[in-house]
Amino acid sequence: MMNYDLALKPTDLTVTFAQSLDGKLAGALGSQVVLSCRESRFMTHWLRSRHQGILVGVNTAINDNPQLNTRLLHGDPENPQPIVLDTHLRFPIDAKLIKNYAAGTGKQPWIVTATNEDQLWLDRKAALEATGARIIEVLDTRNISQVVGRIRQLGISSLMVEGGAQIIRSFIQSPIVDNLIITVSPTFLGKEGVGYELDLEGRGTNLSFERSFQLGRDTIVVFKKASSSS
């Protein structure tokens, strides 16, 4: 299996995503757009195999219906634990993550949500649990440190975050991200595309540029947590 020399550690929190040259992650209204080339998609699946858990927001789960596995890799590598951050329990009960688990081809999806006593929320919780999903409650899903701390309590030491835009923005602005790996596709999505609207070289992050390299037509840009001595 290829090694991309990214110096990952067993307890790393890695944020990774693909963007267009004009900084967009998705099309209008969050519609799915394939940005990565074959080589960089393969790297993404390799990254998944190097982390115990993989997290996306519920909007990504709804719009993209991802499988969050390592199916592009050979040799039957371990799939990461799929985790969806979903404050209001909007996760679809017919999602691929649930279907794969029911068919025995995927891990049980974890849904991280904010504790709620509203009856509609309780009904959604019961419906999702009936499909096999595991509901994990926290006090505030906007508190990234709290969310990650709860996930680590459940045995996930290394976590990969793939999106969408709001999730990426929240994680990058937190001080706990170890790696940021961006796939830049040589394309433009225009002003109607959805971006994360964050200046990575400006204030609000503790990440520093490390290096970039080519994969197929795409450019991979790597940021690492800035050392405390810098």
Protein backbone atom coordinates (compact mmCIF):
# COMPACT_ATOMS: atom_id res chain seq x y z
CA MET A 1 0.00 0.00 0.00
CA MET A 2 1.32 3.45 -0.88
CA ASN A 3 2.70 5.66 1.89
CA TYR A 4 2.28 9.42 1.42
CA ASP A 5 4.84 10.40 4.08
CA LEU A 6 2.34 12.45 6.08
CA ALA A 7 3.85 11.59 9.48
CA LEU A 8 0.55 10.59 11.05
CA LYS A 9 0.49 9.63 14.71
CA PRO A 10 -1.85 7.11 16.42
CA THR A 11 -3.72 9.87 18.28
CA ASP A 12 -3.99 12.44 15.47
CA LEU A 13 -7.06 14.45 14.58
CA THR A 14 -6.95 15.07 10.82
CA VAL A 15 -9.22 17.33 8.79
CA THR A 16 -9.23 16.63 5.06
CA PHE A 17 -11.35 17.73 2.12
CA ALA A 18 -11.27 18.52 -1.59
CA GLN A 19 -11.83 22.03 -2.92
CA SER A 20 -11.87 23.87 -6.22
CA LEU A 21 -9.29 26.53 -7.10
CA ASP A 22 -11.78 29.17 -5.95
CA GLY A 23 -12.12 27.54 -2.53
CA LYS A 24 -15.47 25.79 -2.98
CA LEU A 25 -16.35 22.41 -1.49
CA ALA A 26 -19.72 21.81 -3.12
CA GLY A 27 -22.08 23.18 -5.71
CA ALA A 28 -25.06 25.47 -5.22
CA LEU A 29 -27.03 24.73 -2.03
CA GLY A 30 -24.44 22.13 -1.03
CA SER A 31 -25.01 19.84 -4.01
CA GLN A 32 -22.38 17.13 -4.45
CA VAL A 33 -19.60 17.79 -6.96
CA VAL A 34 -16.80 15.31 -7.67
CA LEU A 35 -13.60 17.31 -7.31
CA SER A 36 -10.87 14.75 -6.59
CA CYS A 37 -9.14 12.79 -9.32
CA ARG A 38 -8.66 9.03 -9.03
CA GLU A 39 -5.21 9.33 -7.45
CA SER A 40 -6.29 11.75 -4.74
CA ARG A 41 -9.45 9.74 -4.00
CA PHE A 42 -7.19 6.76 -3.43
CA MET A 43 -5.16 8.85 -0.96
CA THR A 44 -8.35 9.79 0.88
CA HIS A 45 -9.22 6.11 1.32
CA TRP A 46 -5.66 5.47 2.48
CA LEU A 47 -6.10 8.24 5.06
CA ARG A 48 -9.32 6.61 6.22
CA SER A 49 -7.44 3.37 6.77
CA ARG A 50 -4.96 5.25 9.00
CA HIS A 51 -7.62 6.57 11.39
CA GLN A 52 -9.91 4.68 13.77
CA GLY A 53 -12.88 6.98 13.19
CA ILE A 54 -14.22 9.20 10.41
CA LEU A 55 -16.64 12.07 11.06
CA VAL A 56 -18.93 14.08 8.79
CA GLY A 57 -21.76 16.49 9.45
CA VAL A 58 -25.37 15.58 8.83
CA ASN A 59 -25.62 17.87 5.78
CA THR A 60 -22.86 15.85 4.11
CA ALA A 61 -24.60 12.64 5.13
CA ILE A 62 -27.84 13.87 3.53
CA ASN A 63 -26.41 15.48 0.37
CA ASP A 64 -23.67 12.95 -0.46
CA ASN A 65 -24.97 9.77 1.22
CA PRO A 66 -21.35 8.59 1.78
CA GLN A 67 -20.18 5.11 2.76
CA LEU A 68 -17.08 6.33 4.65
CA ASN A 69 -15.11 3.16 4.03
CA THR A 70 -11.85 2.05 2.40
CA ARG A 71 -13.39 0.25 -0.59
CA LEU A 72 -10.84 1.65 -3.09
CA LEU A 73 -7.92 -0.04 -1.33
CA HIS A 74 -6.69 -3.58 -1.90
CA GLY A 75 -5.93 -6.08 0.84
CA ASP A 76 -9.12 -5.63 2.90
CA PRO A 77 -7.89 -2.83 5.20
CA GLU A 78 -9.82 -1.94 8.34
CA ASN A 79 -12.70 0.47 7.82
CA PRO A 80 -12.87 3.43 10.21
CA GLN A 81 -15.78 3.88 12.60
CA PRO A 82 -18.36 6.08 10.78
CA ILE A 83 -19.56 9.01 12.88
CA VAL A 84 -22.15 11.66 11.96
CA LEU A 85 -22.50 14.93 13.88
CA ASP A 86 -26.24 15.60 13.89
CA THR A 87 -27.69 18.02 16.44
CA HIS A 88 -31.34 17.56 15.47
CA LEU A 89 -31.27 13.90 14.36
CA ARG A 90 -31.96 14.54 10.68
CA PHE A 91 -29.90 11.54 9.58
CA PRO A 92 -31.90 9.51 7.00
CA ILE A 93 -32.94 6.03 8.09
CA ASP A 94 -32.35 4.79 4.53
CA ALA A 95 -28.77 6.08 4.32
CA LYS A 96 -26.03 3.86 2.88
CA LEU A 97 -24.30 3.76 6.27
CA ILE A 98 -27.36 2.11 7.80
CA LYS A 99 -27.97 -0.18 4.81
CA ASN A 100 -24.34 -1.35 4.84
CA TYR A 101 -24.50 -2.10 8.55
CA ALA A 102 -27.76 -4.03 8.14
CA ALA A 103 -26.19 -6.03 5.29
CA GLY A 104 -23.08 -6.81 7.32
CA THR A 105 -20.79 -4.86 4.97
CA GLY A 106 -20.18 -1.83 7.19
CA LYS A 107 -19.72 -0.80 10.80
CA GLN A 108 -22.55 0.43 12.98
CA PRO A 109 -22.95 4.19 12.37
CA TRP A 110 -22.60 6.45 15.39
CA ILE A 111 -24.78 9.56 15.50
CA VAL A 112 -23.47 12.28 17.83
CA THR A 113 -26.30 14.57 18.90
CA ALA A 114 -27.30 17.11 21.54
CA THR A 115 -29.43 15.77 24.38
CA ASN A 116 -33.04 16.78 23.91
CA GLU A 117 -36.38 15.96 25.55
CA ASP A 118 -38.58 17.12 22.66
CA GLN A 119 -40.95 14.33 21.63
CA LEU A 120 -40.15 14.62 17.92
CA TRP A 121 -36.44 14.26 18.76
CA LEU A 122 -37.16 11.28 20.98
CA ASP A 123 -39.20 9.68 18.18
CA ARG A 124 -36.34 10.22 15.72
CA LYS A 125 -33.90 8.74 18.20
CA ALA A 126 -36.06 5.63 18.60
CA ALA A 127 -36.44 5.26 14.83
CA LEU A 128 -32.69 5.53 14.22
CA GLU A 129 -31.89 3.10 17.02
CA ALA A 130 -34.40 0.66 15.52
CA THR A 131 -32.35 0.65 12.29
CA GLY A 132 -29.19 -0.20 14.24
CA ALA A 133 -27.60 3.25 14.58
CA ARG A 134 -25.94 4.12 17.88
CA ILE A 135 -27.01 7.47 19.34
CA ILE A 136 -24.31 9.26 21.35
CA GLU A 137 -25.49 12.28 23.32
CA VAL A 138 -23.42 15.32 24.30
CA LEU A 139 -24.48 18.60 25.87
CA ASP A 140 -23.44 20.81 22.94
CA THR A 141 -22.51 19.59 19.47
CA ARG A 142 -21.00 23.02 18.72
CA ASN A 143 -18.32 22.38 21.35
CA ILE A 144 -15.74 20.57 19.22
CA SER A 145 -13.48 19.68 22.16
CA GLN A 146 -16.44 18.14 23.97
CA VAL A 147 -17.49 16.15 20.91
CA VAL A 148 -13.98 14.82 20.28
CA GLY A 149 -13.50 14.08 23.99
CA ARG A 150 -16.64 11.95 24.02
CA ILE A 151 -15.54 10.08 20.90
CA ARG A 152 -12.15 9.39 22.48
CA GLN A 153 -13.88 8.10 25.63
CA LEU A 154 -15.53 5.51 23.39
CA GLY A 155 -12.15 4.21 22.22
CA ILE A 156 -11.50 6.22 19.05
CA SER A 157 -7.94 7.54 19.44
CA SER A 158 -7.40 8.87 15.90
CA LEU A 159 -10.14 10.76 14.09
CA MET A 160 -10.48 11.95 10.49
CA VAL A 161 -12.95 14.74 9.66
CA GLU A 162 -14.19 15.04 6.06
CA GLY A 163 -16.89 17.71 6.07
CA GLY A 164 -19.02 19.53 5.20
CA ALA A 165 -18.27 23.24 5.17
CA GLN A 166 -19.62 24.13 8.61
CA ILE A 167 -17.93 21.13 10.25
CA ILE A 168 -14.63 21.91 8.54
CA ARG A 169 -14.77 25.55 9.63
CA SER A 170 -15.54 24.62 13.24
CA PHE A 171 -12.75 22.07 13.47
CA ILE A 172 -10.10 24.21 11.78
CA GLN A 173 -10.84 27.04 14.21
CA SER A 174 -10.45 24.72 17.20
CA PRO A 175 -6.97 24.25 18.73
CA ILE A 176 -7.06 20.44 18.67
CA VAL A 177 -6.50 19.65 14.97
CA ASP A 178 -3.14 18.00 14.24
CA ASN A 179 -3.27 17.76 10.43
CA LEU A 180 -5.10 19.61 7.69
CA ILE A 181 -4.84 17.97 4.26
CA ILE A 182 -6.49 19.76 1.36
CA THR A 183 -6.91 18.37 -2.14
CA VAL A 184 -7.04 21.26 -4.60
CA SER A 185 -8.71 20.43 -7.90
CA PRO A 186 -7.84 22.49 -11.00
CA THR A 187 -11.42 23.62 -11.53
CA PHE A 188 -13.73 26.49 -10.60
CA LEU A 189 -17.23 26.18 -9.14
CA GLY A 190 -18.13 29.87 -9.17
CA LYS A 191 -19.84 32.18 -6.72
CA GLU A 192 -22.80 29.87 -6.12
CA GLY A 193 -20.56 27.11 -4.81
CA VAL A 194 -20.26 26.48 -1.06
CA GLY A 195 -16.93 27.27 0.61
CA TYR A 196 -15.59 27.17 4.17
CA GLU A 197 -14.70 30.89 4.19
CA LEU A 198 -11.65 30.73 6.41
CA ASP A 199 -8.25 32.33 5.94
CA LEU A 200 -5.84 29.52 6.81
CA GLU A 201 -2.87 31.86 6.90
CA GLY A 202 -4.68 34.42 9.03
CA ARG A 203 -5.74 34.51 12.64
CA GLY A 204 -8.06 31.93 14.13
CA THR A 205 -6.07 28.75 13.49
CA ASN A 206 -2.96 27.16 14.97
CA LEU A 207 -1.98 25.44 11.72
CA SER A 208 1.13 26.08 9.64
CA PHE A 209 1.84 25.16 6.04
CA GLU A 210 4.22 22.20 5.78
CA ARG A 211 4.39 21.13 2.13
CA SER A 212 2.48 20.40 -1.07
CA PHE A 213 2.74 17.71 -3.72
CA GLN A 214 1.00 16.52 -6.87
CA LEU A 215 -1.33 13.55 -7.22
CA GLY A 216 -2.61 13.16 -10.75
CA ARG A 217 -4.11 16.49 -11.76
CA ASP A 218 -4.63 17.60 -8.14
CA THR A 219 -2.40 19.43 -5.67
CA ILE A 220 -2.27 18.18 -2.09
CA VAL A 221 -1.59 20.91 0.49
CA VAL A 222 -0.56 19.85 3.99
CA PHE A 223 -0.79 21.94 7.16
CA LYS A 224 0.36 20.77 10.58
CA LYS A 225 -0.31 22.00 14.10
CA ALA A 226 2.13 24.80 14.87
CA SER A 227 4.69 23.91 17.52
CA SER A 228 4.32 25.63 20.89
CA SER A 229 7.81 27.09 20.54
CA SER A 230 7.04 28.94 17.29
